[in-house]
Amino acid sequence: MNTDELRAWQPRLQALASAACGDDGAHDINHLHRVWRNAQALLASHPEADALAVMAACYLHDLVNLPKNHPQRSMASRRSAELARRELAAIGFPDAKRDAVAHAIETHSFSAALPPHTIEAKLVQDADRLDALGAVGLARLFYIAGQMGSALAHPDDPLAEHRERDDRAYALDHIEVKLARLPGMMQTAAGRALGAARLAQLTGFRAAFAEEWTL
C-alpha cells in the first residue's frame, strides 16, 4: 500500500464526494469516511488489492444517492460509476485505475445485485455493508426508517412471530429482512467475521427492544 499516494489523493477524492453530498445523514461524508476505514481493515488481509482504487470507490460510491424507496434506486450505483469516471478523468486520476474504481462502485449496491469480479470491488462491497451493521448501522436503520415514514415496530408482534415481516412498514423488521443476511453475503473472510460480530449487536438490541415494547 503506497501511503504517500493515498495521502496525496484522499483530500481530492473527499472534495469530489463532499460536493455531491446532500442532507442525508445516513449517506454523508462521515459514512464515506467509515466505509474507507472499514476497507482499510479489510485491506490488511488483501495486500494484492489496489488500495488507491479501493479508496476512490469508497469515497465516490454514493455520488448519485437515491432514497431507498425511489423507483430507480437500483440504477444509482451505475449512475455513480458513470459520474465517477468523468469526475476522475477531470482531476487526472490514473487512467489505468478508473475501470477498477467504476466496477467497484457499480457493484457495491445491494439494490443493484451485481456480482463483484475484482478483489477491489469485493472489498468495497464488504466495507459499505459493514456500515449497515453494528451500533452505527442501527442508528442509520432508524434514521432511514424515519425518512420513509415507517413505524418503529409492529404494535403487537414486534418479532414477527405470527405475521409476515414488512420492513417498509416497521423499522425493526429490517434487521431480519435484510441485515441478518449481510454477514453470509460478504465477499471476504475478514468481512464475514466483522459482519458476524456487528450483527450480534443488532440481534441483541432486537431482543431487548421487543421485551420493552411488549411490557
N, C-alpha and C. Protein backbone atom coordinates (compact mmCIF):
# COMPACT_ATOMS: atom_id res chain seq x y z
N MET A 1 0.85 -1.19 0.00
CA MET A 1 0.00 0.00 0.00
C MET A 1 0.89 1.24 0.00
N ASN A 2 0.76 2.07 -1.02
CA ASN A 2 1.56 3.29 -1.13
C ASN A 2 0.87 4.39 -0.33
N THR A 3 1.32 4.58 0.92
CA THR A 3 0.63 5.54 1.78
C THR A 3 0.80 6.98 1.31
N ASP A 4 1.93 7.29 0.68
CA ASP A 4 2.12 8.65 0.16
C ASP A 4 1.11 8.94 -0.94
N GLU A 5 0.89 7.96 -1.81
CA GLU A 5 -0.08 8.13 -2.89
C GLU A 5 -1.49 8.31 -2.33
N LEU A 6 -1.82 7.52 -1.32
CA LEU A 6 -3.14 7.63 -0.71
C LEU A 6 -3.33 8.99 -0.04
N ARG A 7 -2.32 9.44 0.68
CA ARG A 7 -2.42 10.75 1.33
C ARG A 7 -2.55 11.88 0.31
N ALA A 8 -1.91 11.73 -0.82
CA ALA A 8 -1.99 12.77 -1.84
C ALA A 8 -3.37 12.85 -2.48
N TRP A 9 -3.99 11.69 -2.66
CA TRP A 9 -5.28 11.66 -3.37
C TRP A 9 -6.48 11.81 -2.45
N GLN A 10 -6.35 11.45 -1.18
CA GLN A 10 -7.53 11.45 -0.30
C GLN A 10 -8.25 12.79 -0.24
N PRO A 11 -7.57 13.93 -0.03
CA PRO A 11 -8.31 15.20 0.03
C PRO A 11 -9.01 15.55 -1.27
N ARG A 12 -8.46 15.15 -2.39
CA ARG A 12 -9.10 15.44 -3.68
C ARG A 12 -10.35 14.60 -3.87
N LEU A 13 -10.29 13.34 -3.44
CA LEU A 13 -11.46 12.47 -3.51
C LEU A 13 -12.54 12.93 -2.53
N GLN A 14 -12.12 13.35 -1.35
CA GLN A 14 -13.08 13.86 -0.36
C GLN A 14 -13.79 15.10 -0.89
N ALA A 15 -13.05 15.95 -1.60
CA ALA A 15 -13.66 17.16 -2.15
C ALA A 15 -14.72 16.82 -3.18
N LEU A 16 -14.45 15.85 -4.04
CA LEU A 16 -15.46 15.41 -5.01
C LEU A 16 -16.69 14.86 -4.30
N ALA A 17 -16.46 14.03 -3.30
CA ALA A 17 -17.57 13.41 -2.57
C ALA A 17 -18.38 14.45 -1.82
N SER A 18 -17.71 15.38 -1.17
CA SER A 18 -18.40 16.41 -0.38
C SER A 18 -19.29 17.27 -1.25
N ALA A 19 -18.83 17.55 -2.46
CA ALA A 19 -19.62 18.39 -3.37
C ALA A 19 -20.92 17.71 -3.77
N ALA A 20 -20.94 16.37 -3.73
CA ALA A 20 -22.14 15.63 -4.14
C ALA A 20 -23.05 15.27 -2.97
N CYS A 21 -22.55 15.41 -1.74
CA CYS A 21 -23.34 15.02 -0.57
C CYS A 21 -24.52 15.98 -0.37
N GLY A 22 -25.68 15.41 -0.11
CA GLY A 22 -26.85 16.21 0.23
C GLY A 22 -27.01 16.27 1.74
N ASP A 23 -28.27 16.24 2.17
CA ASP A 23 -28.55 16.35 3.60
C ASP A 23 -28.97 15.02 4.23
N ASP A 24 -28.61 13.92 3.58
CA ASP A 24 -28.94 12.59 4.09
C ASP A 24 -27.87 12.17 5.09
N GLY A 25 -28.22 12.19 6.37
CA GLY A 25 -27.27 11.87 7.42
C GLY A 25 -26.79 10.43 7.42
N ALA A 26 -27.48 9.55 6.72
CA ALA A 26 -27.05 8.15 6.64
C ALA A 26 -26.06 7.93 5.51
N HIS A 27 -25.94 8.90 4.60
CA HIS A 27 -25.04 8.77 3.45
C HIS A 27 -24.22 10.04 3.26
N ASP A 28 -23.76 10.60 4.37
CA ASP A 28 -22.99 11.84 4.32
C ASP A 28 -21.50 11.53 4.24
N ILE A 29 -20.67 12.56 4.38
CA ILE A 29 -19.22 12.36 4.28
C ILE A 29 -18.71 11.47 5.40
N ASN A 30 -19.37 11.47 6.54
CA ASN A 30 -18.95 10.59 7.64
C ASN A 30 -19.15 9.13 7.29
N HIS A 31 -20.23 8.83 6.57
CA HIS A 31 -20.43 7.47 6.07
C HIS A 31 -19.28 7.07 5.16
N LEU A 32 -18.86 7.97 4.29
CA LEU A 32 -17.78 7.66 3.35
C LEU A 32 -16.46 7.44 4.09
N HIS A 33 -16.20 8.26 5.10
CA HIS A 33 -15.00 8.04 5.93
C HIS A 33 -15.04 6.66 6.58
N ARG A 34 -16.21 6.29 7.12
CA ARG A 34 -16.32 4.98 7.80
C ARG A 34 -16.12 3.84 6.82
N VAL A 35 -16.68 3.96 5.62
CA VAL A 35 -16.51 2.90 4.62
C VAL A 35 -15.04 2.74 4.27
N TRP A 36 -14.32 3.84 4.12
CA TRP A 36 -12.89 3.75 3.84
C TRP A 36 -12.14 3.13 5.01
N ARG A 37 -12.50 3.47 6.24
CA ARG A 37 -11.85 2.84 7.39
C ARG A 37 -12.13 1.33 7.43
N ASN A 38 -13.37 0.96 7.12
CA ASN A 38 -13.69 -0.47 7.04
C ASN A 38 -12.83 -1.14 5.97
N ALA A 39 -12.70 -0.49 4.83
CA ALA A 39 -11.91 -1.05 3.73
C ALA A 39 -10.44 -1.20 4.13
N GLN A 40 -9.92 -0.23 4.87
CA GLN A 40 -8.53 -0.34 5.31
C GLN A 40 -8.33 -1.55 6.21
N ALA A 41 -9.31 -1.82 7.08
CA ALA A 41 -9.22 -3.01 7.93
C ALA A 41 -9.21 -4.28 7.09
N LEU A 42 -10.00 -4.30 6.02
CA LEU A 42 -10.07 -5.48 5.15
C LEU A 42 -8.83 -5.58 4.27
N LEU A 43 -8.26 -4.46 3.86
CA LEU A 43 -7.07 -4.47 3.02
C LEU A 43 -5.89 -5.14 3.71
N ALA A 44 -5.87 -5.13 5.04
CA ALA A 44 -4.78 -5.77 5.77
C ALA A 44 -4.67 -7.25 5.43
N SER A 45 -5.81 -7.86 5.04
CA SER A 45 -5.82 -9.28 4.66
C SER A 45 -5.66 -9.48 3.16
N HIS A 46 -5.62 -8.37 2.41
CA HIS A 46 -5.55 -8.47 0.95
C HIS A 46 -4.55 -7.45 0.39
N PRO A 47 -3.26 -7.67 0.65
CA PRO A 47 -2.24 -6.73 0.15
C PRO A 47 -2.15 -6.69 -1.37
N GLU A 48 -2.73 -7.69 -2.04
CA GLU A 48 -2.70 -7.70 -3.50
C GLU A 48 -3.64 -6.68 -4.12
N ALA A 49 -4.59 -6.15 -3.35
CA ALA A 49 -5.57 -5.20 -3.88
C ALA A 49 -4.94 -3.83 -4.10
N ASP A 50 -5.48 -3.10 -5.06
CA ASP A 50 -5.04 -1.73 -5.34
C ASP A 50 -5.73 -0.79 -4.36
N ALA A 51 -5.00 -0.35 -3.38
CA ALA A 51 -5.60 0.45 -2.30
C ALA A 51 -6.13 1.79 -2.81
N LEU A 52 -5.46 2.39 -3.80
CA LEU A 52 -5.94 3.68 -4.30
C LEU A 52 -7.29 3.52 -5.00
N ALA A 53 -7.44 2.46 -5.78
CA ALA A 53 -8.73 2.22 -6.44
C ALA A 53 -9.81 1.97 -5.40
N VAL A 54 -9.47 1.23 -4.34
CA VAL A 54 -10.43 0.97 -3.26
C VAL A 54 -10.83 2.28 -2.59
N MET A 55 -9.86 3.11 -2.26
CA MET A 55 -10.17 4.37 -1.58
C MET A 55 -11.05 5.25 -2.46
N ALA A 56 -10.72 5.35 -3.74
CA ALA A 56 -11.53 6.18 -4.64
C ALA A 56 -12.96 5.68 -4.70
N ALA A 57 -13.15 4.37 -4.79
CA ALA A 57 -14.51 3.83 -4.84
C ALA A 57 -15.25 4.04 -3.53
N CYS A 58 -14.55 3.94 -2.42
CA CYS A 58 -15.19 4.18 -1.11
C CYS A 58 -15.73 5.60 -1.03
N TYR A 59 -14.97 6.56 -1.50
CA TYR A 59 -15.40 7.95 -1.40
C TYR A 59 -16.42 8.35 -2.45
N LEU A 60 -16.43 7.68 -3.59
CA LEU A 60 -17.28 8.12 -4.70
C LEU A 60 -18.47 7.20 -4.95
N HIS A 61 -18.68 6.18 -4.12
CA HIS A 61 -19.72 5.20 -4.44
C HIS A 61 -21.14 5.76 -4.31
N ASP A 62 -21.31 6.87 -3.60
CA ASP A 62 -22.65 7.46 -3.45
C ASP A 62 -22.77 8.81 -4.16
N LEU A 63 -22.02 9.01 -5.23
CA LEU A 63 -22.13 10.28 -5.95
C LEU A 63 -23.57 10.54 -6.39
N VAL A 64 -24.26 9.48 -6.77
CA VAL A 64 -25.70 9.57 -7.05
C VAL A 64 -26.40 8.75 -5.98
N ASN A 65 -27.07 9.43 -5.07
CA ASN A 65 -27.70 8.77 -3.92
C ASN A 65 -29.22 8.97 -4.00
N LEU A 66 -29.93 7.90 -4.31
CA LEU A 66 -31.39 7.97 -4.40
C LEU A 66 -32.01 7.34 -3.16
N PRO A 67 -33.14 7.84 -2.68
CA PRO A 67 -33.79 7.27 -1.50
C PRO A 67 -34.09 5.78 -1.67
N LYS A 68 -34.16 5.07 -0.54
CA LYS A 68 -34.38 3.62 -0.58
C LYS A 68 -35.66 3.25 -1.31
N ASN A 69 -36.67 4.12 -1.26
CA ASN A 69 -37.95 3.81 -1.90
C ASN A 69 -38.10 4.48 -3.26
N HIS A 70 -37.02 4.99 -3.83
CA HIS A 70 -37.08 5.62 -5.15
C HIS A 70 -37.21 4.54 -6.22
N PRO A 71 -38.06 4.74 -7.23
CA PRO A 71 -38.26 3.69 -8.25
C PRO A 71 -37.01 3.36 -9.05
N GLN A 72 -36.04 4.25 -9.10
CA GLN A 72 -34.80 3.99 -9.83
C GLN A 72 -33.62 3.71 -8.90
N ARG A 73 -33.91 3.32 -7.68
CA ARG A 73 -32.86 3.05 -6.69
C ARG A 73 -31.83 2.07 -7.22
N SER A 74 -32.25 1.04 -7.93
CA SER A 74 -31.31 0.02 -8.40
C SER A 74 -30.34 0.54 -9.45
N MET A 75 -30.61 1.71 -10.00
CA MET A 75 -29.73 2.29 -11.02
C MET A 75 -28.73 3.28 -10.43
N ALA A 76 -28.84 3.58 -9.15
CA ALA A 76 -28.00 4.62 -8.56
C ALA A 76 -26.51 4.29 -8.65
N SER A 77 -26.15 3.03 -8.42
CA SER A 77 -24.72 2.69 -8.44
C SER A 77 -24.15 2.79 -9.86
N ARG A 78 -24.94 2.43 -10.87
CA ARG A 78 -24.46 2.59 -12.25
C ARG A 78 -24.24 4.06 -12.58
N ARG A 79 -25.18 4.87 -12.15
CA ARG A 79 -25.05 6.30 -12.41
C ARG A 79 -23.88 6.90 -11.64
N SER A 80 -23.65 6.43 -10.44
CA SER A 80 -22.50 6.88 -9.66
C SER A 80 -21.19 6.49 -10.35
N ALA A 81 -21.15 5.28 -10.90
CA ALA A 81 -19.94 4.82 -11.59
C ALA A 81 -19.65 5.67 -12.82
N GLU A 82 -20.68 5.99 -13.58
CA GLU A 82 -20.51 6.81 -14.78
C GLU A 82 -20.02 8.21 -14.41
N LEU A 83 -20.62 8.78 -13.37
CA LEU A 83 -20.21 10.11 -12.93
C LEU A 83 -18.79 10.09 -12.38
N ALA A 84 -18.45 9.04 -11.65
CA ALA A 84 -17.10 8.93 -11.09
C ALA A 84 -16.05 8.89 -12.21
N ARG A 85 -16.33 8.16 -13.27
CA ARG A 85 -15.39 8.12 -14.41
C ARG A 85 -15.11 9.54 -14.92
N ARG A 86 -16.16 10.31 -15.10
CA ARG A 86 -15.99 11.66 -15.64
C ARG A 86 -15.24 12.56 -14.65
N GLU A 87 -15.63 12.48 -13.38
CA GLU A 87 -15.00 13.33 -12.37
C GLU A 87 -13.53 12.98 -12.18
N LEU A 88 -13.21 11.69 -12.18
CA LEU A 88 -11.83 11.27 -12.00
C LEU A 88 -10.97 11.67 -13.19
N ALA A 89 -11.52 11.55 -14.39
CA ALA A 89 -10.77 11.98 -15.57
C ALA A 89 -10.46 13.47 -15.50
N ALA A 90 -11.41 14.24 -15.00
CA ALA A 90 -11.24 15.69 -14.94
C ALA A 90 -10.14 16.12 -13.98
N ILE A 91 -9.86 15.30 -12.95
CA ILE A 91 -8.82 15.69 -11.99
C ILE A 91 -7.52 14.91 -12.19
N GLY A 92 -7.44 14.16 -13.30
CA GLY A 92 -6.20 13.47 -13.63
C GLY A 92 -5.93 12.20 -12.87
N PHE A 93 -6.97 11.55 -12.39
CA PHE A 93 -6.79 10.27 -11.71
C PHE A 93 -6.24 9.26 -12.72
N PRO A 94 -5.32 8.37 -12.29
CA PRO A 94 -4.67 7.45 -13.23
C PRO A 94 -5.65 6.68 -14.11
N ASP A 95 -5.42 6.75 -15.42
CA ASP A 95 -6.30 6.08 -16.38
C ASP A 95 -6.44 4.59 -16.08
N ALA A 96 -5.33 3.96 -15.76
CA ALA A 96 -5.31 2.50 -15.60
C ALA A 96 -6.15 2.02 -14.42
N LYS A 97 -6.51 2.92 -13.52
CA LYS A 97 -7.26 2.53 -12.33
C LYS A 97 -8.75 2.85 -12.41
N ARG A 98 -9.16 3.60 -13.43
CA ARG A 98 -10.54 4.07 -13.47
C ARG A 98 -11.55 2.94 -13.67
N ASP A 99 -11.19 1.94 -14.48
CA ASP A 99 -12.11 0.82 -14.67
C ASP A 99 -12.35 0.08 -13.36
N ALA A 100 -11.28 -0.11 -12.59
CA ALA A 100 -11.42 -0.80 -11.30
C ALA A 100 -12.30 -0.02 -10.35
N VAL A 101 -12.14 1.30 -10.33
CA VAL A 101 -12.97 2.15 -9.47
C VAL A 101 -14.43 2.06 -9.90
N ALA A 102 -14.67 2.21 -11.20
CA ALA A 102 -16.05 2.19 -11.70
C ALA A 102 -16.73 0.86 -11.42
N HIS A 103 -16.02 -0.24 -11.62
CA HIS A 103 -16.61 -1.57 -11.35
C HIS A 103 -16.94 -1.72 -9.87
N ALA A 104 -16.05 -1.26 -9.00
CA ALA A 104 -16.31 -1.36 -7.56
C ALA A 104 -17.52 -0.53 -7.16
N ILE A 105 -17.67 0.64 -7.74
CA ILE A 105 -18.82 1.49 -7.44
C ILE A 105 -20.11 0.84 -7.95
N GLU A 106 -20.08 0.35 -9.18
CA GLU A 106 -21.29 -0.20 -9.79
C GLU A 106 -21.79 -1.43 -9.04
N THR A 107 -20.87 -2.23 -8.50
CA THR A 107 -21.27 -3.49 -7.87
C THR A 107 -21.40 -3.42 -6.36
N HIS A 108 -21.19 -2.24 -5.76
CA HIS A 108 -21.26 -2.18 -4.29
C HIS A 108 -22.68 -2.30 -3.78
N SER A 109 -23.65 -1.93 -4.60
CA SER A 109 -25.03 -1.73 -4.14
C SER A 109 -25.79 -3.04 -3.93
N PHE A 110 -26.47 -3.14 -2.80
CA PHE A 110 -27.36 -4.28 -2.54
C PHE A 110 -28.52 -4.27 -3.53
N SER A 111 -29.04 -3.08 -3.82
CA SER A 111 -30.20 -2.96 -4.70
C SER A 111 -29.87 -3.35 -6.14
N ALA A 112 -28.66 -3.04 -6.59
CA ALA A 112 -28.29 -3.34 -7.97
C ALA A 112 -28.09 -4.84 -8.18
N ALA A 113 -27.66 -5.55 -7.14
CA ALA A 113 -27.48 -7.01 -7.19
C ALA A 113 -26.55 -7.45 -8.31
N LEU A 114 -25.43 -6.73 -8.48
CA LEU A 114 -24.43 -7.07 -9.49
C LEU A 114 -23.23 -7.72 -8.80
N PRO A 115 -22.71 -8.82 -9.34
CA PRO A 115 -21.59 -9.50 -8.67
C PRO A 115 -20.27 -8.78 -8.89
N PRO A 116 -19.47 -8.61 -7.84
CA PRO A 116 -18.15 -8.02 -7.99
C PRO A 116 -17.16 -9.06 -8.51
N HIS A 117 -16.33 -8.68 -9.49
CA HIS A 117 -15.40 -9.64 -10.10
C HIS A 117 -13.95 -9.38 -9.75
N THR A 118 -13.66 -8.31 -9.05
CA THR A 118 -12.28 -7.99 -8.68
C THR A 118 -12.16 -7.92 -7.16
N ILE A 119 -10.95 -8.09 -6.66
CA ILE A 119 -10.77 -8.01 -5.21
C ILE A 119 -11.10 -6.61 -4.71
N GLU A 120 -10.80 -5.59 -5.52
CA GLU A 120 -11.12 -4.23 -5.11
C GLU A 120 -12.62 -4.05 -4.94
N ALA A 121 -13.40 -4.56 -5.89
CA ALA A 121 -14.86 -4.43 -5.81
C ALA A 121 -15.41 -5.23 -4.63
N LYS A 122 -14.83 -6.39 -4.37
CA LYS A 122 -15.29 -7.19 -3.24
C LYS A 122 -15.03 -6.47 -1.92
N LEU A 123 -13.88 -5.84 -1.80
CA LEU A 123 -13.56 -5.11 -0.58
C LEU A 123 -14.47 -3.92 -0.37
N VAL A 124 -14.77 -3.19 -1.43
CA VAL A 124 -15.66 -2.02 -1.31
C VAL A 124 -17.07 -2.46 -0.95
N GLN A 125 -17.54 -3.53 -1.57
CA GLN A 125 -18.88 -4.01 -1.23
C GLN A 125 -18.95 -4.41 0.24
N ASP A 126 -17.97 -5.16 0.71
CA ASP A 126 -17.96 -5.56 2.12
C ASP A 126 -17.87 -4.35 3.03
N ALA A 127 -17.00 -3.40 2.70
CA ALA A 127 -16.81 -2.23 3.56
C ALA A 127 -18.07 -1.41 3.69
N ASP A 128 -18.81 -1.26 2.59
CA ASP A 128 -20.06 -0.50 2.64
C ASP A 128 -21.11 -1.24 3.45
N ARG A 129 -21.20 -2.54 3.28
CA ARG A 129 -22.21 -3.32 4.01
C ARG A 129 -21.90 -3.40 5.50
N LEU A 130 -20.64 -3.35 5.86
CA LEU A 130 -20.29 -3.33 7.28
C LEU A 130 -20.86 -2.10 7.97
N ASP A 131 -20.99 -1.00 7.25
CA ASP A 131 -21.52 0.22 7.87
C ASP A 131 -23.02 0.13 8.11
N ALA A 132 -23.68 -0.90 7.57
CA ALA A 132 -25.10 -1.12 7.84
C ALA A 132 -25.31 -1.99 9.08
N LEU A 133 -24.22 -2.46 9.67
CA LEU A 133 -24.29 -3.35 10.83
C LEU A 133 -23.71 -2.66 12.06
N GLY A 134 -23.87 -3.26 13.22
CA GLY A 134 -23.32 -2.70 14.45
C GLY A 134 -24.11 -1.49 14.94
N ALA A 135 -23.51 -0.76 15.86
CA ALA A 135 -24.20 0.37 16.50
C ALA A 135 -24.51 1.48 15.51
N VAL A 136 -23.55 1.80 14.65
CA VAL A 136 -23.80 2.85 13.65
C VAL A 136 -24.85 2.38 12.65
N GLY A 137 -24.78 1.13 12.25
CA GLY A 137 -25.79 0.59 11.34
C GLY A 137 -27.19 0.68 11.93
N LEU A 138 -27.29 0.43 13.23
CA LEU A 138 -28.59 0.52 13.91
C LEU A 138 -29.12 1.96 13.85
N ALA A 139 -28.24 2.92 14.13
CA ALA A 139 -28.66 4.31 14.07
C ALA A 139 -29.09 4.68 12.65
N ARG A 140 -28.36 4.22 11.67
CA ARG A 140 -28.71 4.51 10.27
C ARG A 140 -30.06 3.87 9.91
N LEU A 141 -30.30 2.66 10.42
CA LEU A 141 -31.56 1.97 10.15
C LEU A 141 -32.75 2.84 10.56
N PHE A 142 -32.72 3.34 11.80
CA PHE A 142 -33.87 4.12 12.28
C PHE A 142 -33.91 5.52 11.66
N TYR A 143 -32.77 6.05 11.32
CA TYR A 143 -32.74 7.34 10.62
C TYR A 143 -33.46 7.22 9.28
N ILE A 144 -33.11 6.18 8.51
CA ILE A 144 -33.71 5.98 7.19
C ILE A 144 -35.19 5.63 7.33
N ALA A 145 -35.53 4.82 8.33
CA ALA A 145 -36.94 4.48 8.55
C ALA A 145 -37.75 5.73 8.83
N GLY A 146 -37.18 6.66 9.59
CA GLY A 146 -37.88 7.92 9.86
C GLY A 146 -38.09 8.72 8.59
N GLN A 147 -37.08 8.74 7.70
CA GLN A 147 -37.23 9.43 6.43
C GLN A 147 -38.37 8.83 5.60
N MET A 148 -38.53 7.52 5.68
CA MET A 148 -39.53 6.82 4.88
C MET A 148 -40.89 6.76 5.55
N GLY A 149 -40.99 7.25 6.78
CA GLY A 149 -42.26 7.25 7.48
C GLY A 149 -42.66 5.91 8.05
N SER A 150 -41.69 5.04 8.31
CA SER A 150 -42.00 3.73 8.88
C SER A 150 -42.24 3.84 10.38
N ALA A 151 -43.06 2.93 10.91
CA ALA A 151 -43.22 2.82 12.36
C ALA A 151 -42.01 2.12 12.95
N LEU A 152 -41.79 2.30 14.26
CA LEU A 152 -40.65 1.63 14.89
C LEU A 152 -40.80 0.11 14.81
N ALA A 153 -41.97 -0.39 15.14
CA ALA A 153 -42.21 -1.83 15.16
C ALA A 153 -43.70 -2.09 15.12
N HIS A 154 -44.07 -3.33 14.82
CA HIS A 154 -45.48 -3.73 14.85
C HIS A 154 -46.00 -3.58 16.28
N PRO A 155 -47.20 -3.06 16.46
CA PRO A 155 -47.68 -2.78 17.82
C PRO A 155 -47.82 -4.00 18.71
N ASP A 156 -48.16 -5.15 18.14
CA ASP A 156 -48.44 -6.33 18.97
C ASP A 156 -47.48 -7.50 18.74
N ASP A 157 -46.76 -7.49 17.63
CA ASP A 157 -45.89 -8.62 17.29
C ASP A 157 -44.57 -8.10 16.72
N PRO A 158 -43.73 -7.48 17.55
CA PRO A 158 -42.52 -6.84 17.04
C PRO A 158 -41.53 -7.81 16.40
N LEU A 159 -41.52 -9.07 16.84
CA LEU A 159 -40.58 -10.04 16.30
C LEU A 159 -41.15 -10.84 15.13
N ALA A 160 -42.34 -10.48 14.68
CA ALA A 160 -42.98 -11.14 13.53
C ALA A 160 -43.09 -12.65 13.73
N GLU A 161 -43.58 -13.02 14.89
CA GLU A 161 -43.76 -14.45 15.17
C GLU A 161 -45.04 -15.00 14.55
N HIS A 162 -46.02 -14.11 14.27
CA HIS A 162 -47.31 -14.56 13.73
C HIS A 162 -47.75 -13.72 12.52
N ARG A 163 -46.80 -13.19 11.79
CA ARG A 163 -47.11 -12.36 10.62
C ARG A 163 -45.92 -12.36 9.68
N GLU A 164 -46.15 -11.88 8.47
CA GLU A 164 -45.06 -11.68 7.51
C GLU A 164 -44.28 -10.43 7.88
N ARG A 165 -42.97 -10.49 7.79
CA ARG A 165 -42.16 -9.29 8.05
C ARG A 165 -42.35 -8.27 6.94
N ASP A 166 -42.34 -7.01 7.33
CA ASP A 166 -42.52 -5.90 6.37
C ASP A 166 -41.65 -4.74 6.83
N ASP A 167 -40.44 -4.64 6.26
CA ASP A 167 -39.53 -3.61 6.74
C ASP A 167 -39.80 -2.23 6.17
N ARG A 168 -40.74 -2.13 5.25
CA ARG A 168 -41.17 -0.80 4.82
C ARG A 168 -42.16 -0.20 5.82
N ALA A 169 -42.91 -1.05 6.47
CA ALA A 169 -43.88 -0.58 7.46
C ALA A 169 -43.26 -0.48 8.85
N TYR A 170 -42.34 -1.41 9.19
CA TYR A 170 -41.81 -1.50 10.55
C TYR A 170 -40.28 -1.56 10.51
N ALA A 171 -39.65 -0.57 11.12
CA ALA A 171 -38.19 -0.47 11.08
C ALA A 171 -37.51 -1.70 11.66
N LEU A 172 -38.01 -2.20 12.79
CA LEU A 172 -37.35 -3.32 13.45
C LEU A 172 -37.28 -4.55 12.54
N ASP A 173 -38.24 -4.72 11.67
CA ASP A 173 -38.25 -5.86 10.76
C ASP A 173 -37.03 -5.88 9.84
N HIS A 174 -36.44 -4.72 9.61
CA HIS A 174 -35.33 -4.63 8.65
C HIS A 174 -34.12 -5.45 9.12
N ILE A 175 -34.00 -5.64 10.42
CA ILE A 175 -32.86 -6.42 10.91
C ILE A 175 -32.92 -7.84 10.36
N GLU A 176 -34.09 -8.47 10.40
CA GLU A 176 -34.21 -9.84 9.90
C GLU A 176 -34.42 -9.89 8.38
N VAL A 177 -35.13 -8.91 7.84
CA VAL A 177 -35.40 -8.93 6.39
C VAL A 177 -34.11 -8.79 5.58
N LYS A 178 -33.22 -7.91 6.00
CA LYS A 178 -32.01 -7.64 5.21
C LYS A 178 -30.72 -7.79 5.99
N LEU A 179 -30.61 -7.12 7.13
CA LEU A 179 -29.30 -7.00 7.77
C LEU A 179 -28.75 -8.34 8.25
N ALA A 180 -29.61 -9.24 8.70
CA ALA A 180 -29.15 -10.54 9.17
C ALA A 180 -28.53 -11.37 8.05
N ARG A 181 -28.84 -11.02 6.81
CA ARG A 181 -28.31 -11.76 5.66
C ARG A 181 -26.91 -11.29 5.27
N LEU A 182 -26.54 -10.09 5.68
CA LEU A 182 -25.32 -9.48 5.16
C LEU A 182 -24.03 -10.24 5.50
N PRO A 183 -23.81 -10.69 6.74
CA PRO A 183 -22.54 -11.39 7.00
C PRO A 183 -22.31 -12.58 6.08
N GLY A 184 -23.34 -13.36 5.82
CA GLY A 184 -23.19 -14.51 4.93
C GLY A 184 -22.98 -14.14 3.48
N MET A 185 -23.28 -12.89 3.12
CA MET A 185 -23.10 -12.44 1.75
C MET A 185 -21.78 -11.71 1.54
N MET A 186 -21.00 -11.54 2.61
CA MET A 186 -19.72 -10.85 2.48
C MET A 186 -18.81 -11.62 1.53
N GLN A 187 -17.99 -10.87 0.81
CA GLN A 187 -17.12 -11.45 -0.21
C GLN A 187 -15.79 -11.94 0.33
N THR A 188 -15.42 -11.48 1.53
CA THR A 188 -14.12 -11.84 2.09
C THR A 188 -14.29 -12.47 3.47
N ALA A 189 -13.32 -13.27 3.87
CA ALA A 189 -13.38 -13.90 5.19
C ALA A 189 -13.35 -12.85 6.29
N ALA A 190 -12.52 -11.83 6.10
CA ALA A 190 -12.46 -10.76 7.11
C ALA A 190 -13.79 -10.02 7.20
N GLY A 191 -14.43 -9.81 6.08
CA GLY A 191 -15.73 -9.16 6.07
C GLY A 191 -16.78 -9.99 6.78
N ARG A 192 -16.74 -11.30 6.56
CA ARG A 192 -17.72 -12.18 7.23
C ARG A 192 -17.52 -12.17 8.74
N ALA A 193 -16.27 -12.17 9.18
CA ALA A 193 -16.00 -12.18 10.63
C ALA A 193 -16.45 -10.87 11.27
N LEU A 194 -16.10 -9.74 10.67
CA LEU A 194 -16.53 -8.45 11.21
C LEU A 194 -18.04 -8.30 11.15
N GLY A 195 -18.63 -8.77 10.04
CA GLY A 195 -20.08 -8.67 9.89
C GLY A 195 -20.82 -9.47 10.94
N ALA A 196 -20.34 -10.67 11.24
CA ALA A 196 -20.99 -11.51 12.25
C ALA A 196 -20.93 -10.84 13.62
N ALA A 197 -19.79 -10.24 13.95
CA ALA A 197 -19.65 -9.58 15.25
C ALA A 197 -20.60 -8.39 15.35
N ARG A 198 -20.74 -7.64 14.27
CA ARG A 198 -21.63 -6.47 14.31
C ARG A 198 -23.09 -6.89 14.28
N LEU A 199 -23.41 -7.97 13.59
CA LEU A 199 -24.79 -8.44 13.58
C LEU A 199 -25.23 -8.87 14.98
N ALA A 200 -24.31 -9.42 15.75
CA ALA A 200 -24.66 -9.85 17.11
C ALA A 200 -25.16 -8.66 17.94
N GLN A 201 -24.63 -7.47 17.69
CA GLN A 201 -25.11 -6.29 18.39
C GLN A 201 -26.57 -5.99 18.01
N LEU A 202 -26.88 -6.17 16.74
CA LEU A 202 -28.25 -5.89 16.27
C LEU A 202 -29.24 -6.90 16.81
N THR A 203 -28.87 -8.16 16.82
CA THR A 203 -29.81 -9.18 17.31
C THR A 203 -30.04 -9.03 18.81
N GLY A 204 -29.00 -8.63 19.53
CA GLY A 204 -29.17 -8.36 20.96
C GLY A 204 -30.10 -7.19 21.19
N PHE A 205 -29.93 -6.14 20.40
CA PHE A 205 -30.82 -4.98 20.51
C PHE A 205 -32.25 -5.37 20.17
N ARG A 206 -32.44 -6.17 19.13
CA ARG A 206 -33.79 -6.57 18.69
C ARG A 206 -34.52 -7.29 19.82
N ALA A 207 -33.84 -8.18 20.51
CA ALA A 207 -34.46 -8.92 21.61
C ALA A 207 -34.81 -7.98 22.77
N ALA A 208 -33.89 -7.08 23.11
CA ALA A 208 -34.14 -6.15 24.21
C ALA A 208 -35.28 -5.19 23.86
N PHE A 209 -35.30 -4.72 22.61
CA PHE A 209 -36.37 -3.82 22.17
C PHE A 209 -37.73 -4.50 22.31
N ALA A 210 -37.81 -5.74 21.82
CA ALA A 210 -39.11 -6.45 21.87
C ALA A 210 -39.57 -6.66 23.30
N GLU A 211 -38.63 -6.93 24.20
CA GLU A 211 -39.00 -7.15 25.60
C GLU A 211 -39.60 -5.87 26.21
N GLU A 212 -38.99 -4.73 25.92
CA GLU A 212 -39.52 -3.47 26.43
C GLU A 212 -40.82 -3.08 25.73
N TRP A 213 -40.89 -3.35 24.43
CA TRP A 213 -42.04 -2.94 23.60
C TRP A 213 -43.33 -3.60 24.07
N THR A 214 -43.21 -4.83 24.54
CA THR A 214 -44.43 -5.60 24.88
C THR A 214 -44.69 -5.67 26.39
N LEU A 215 -43.98 -4.87 27.18
CA LEU A 215 -44.25 -4.88 28.61
C LEU A 215 -45.69 -4.46 28.93
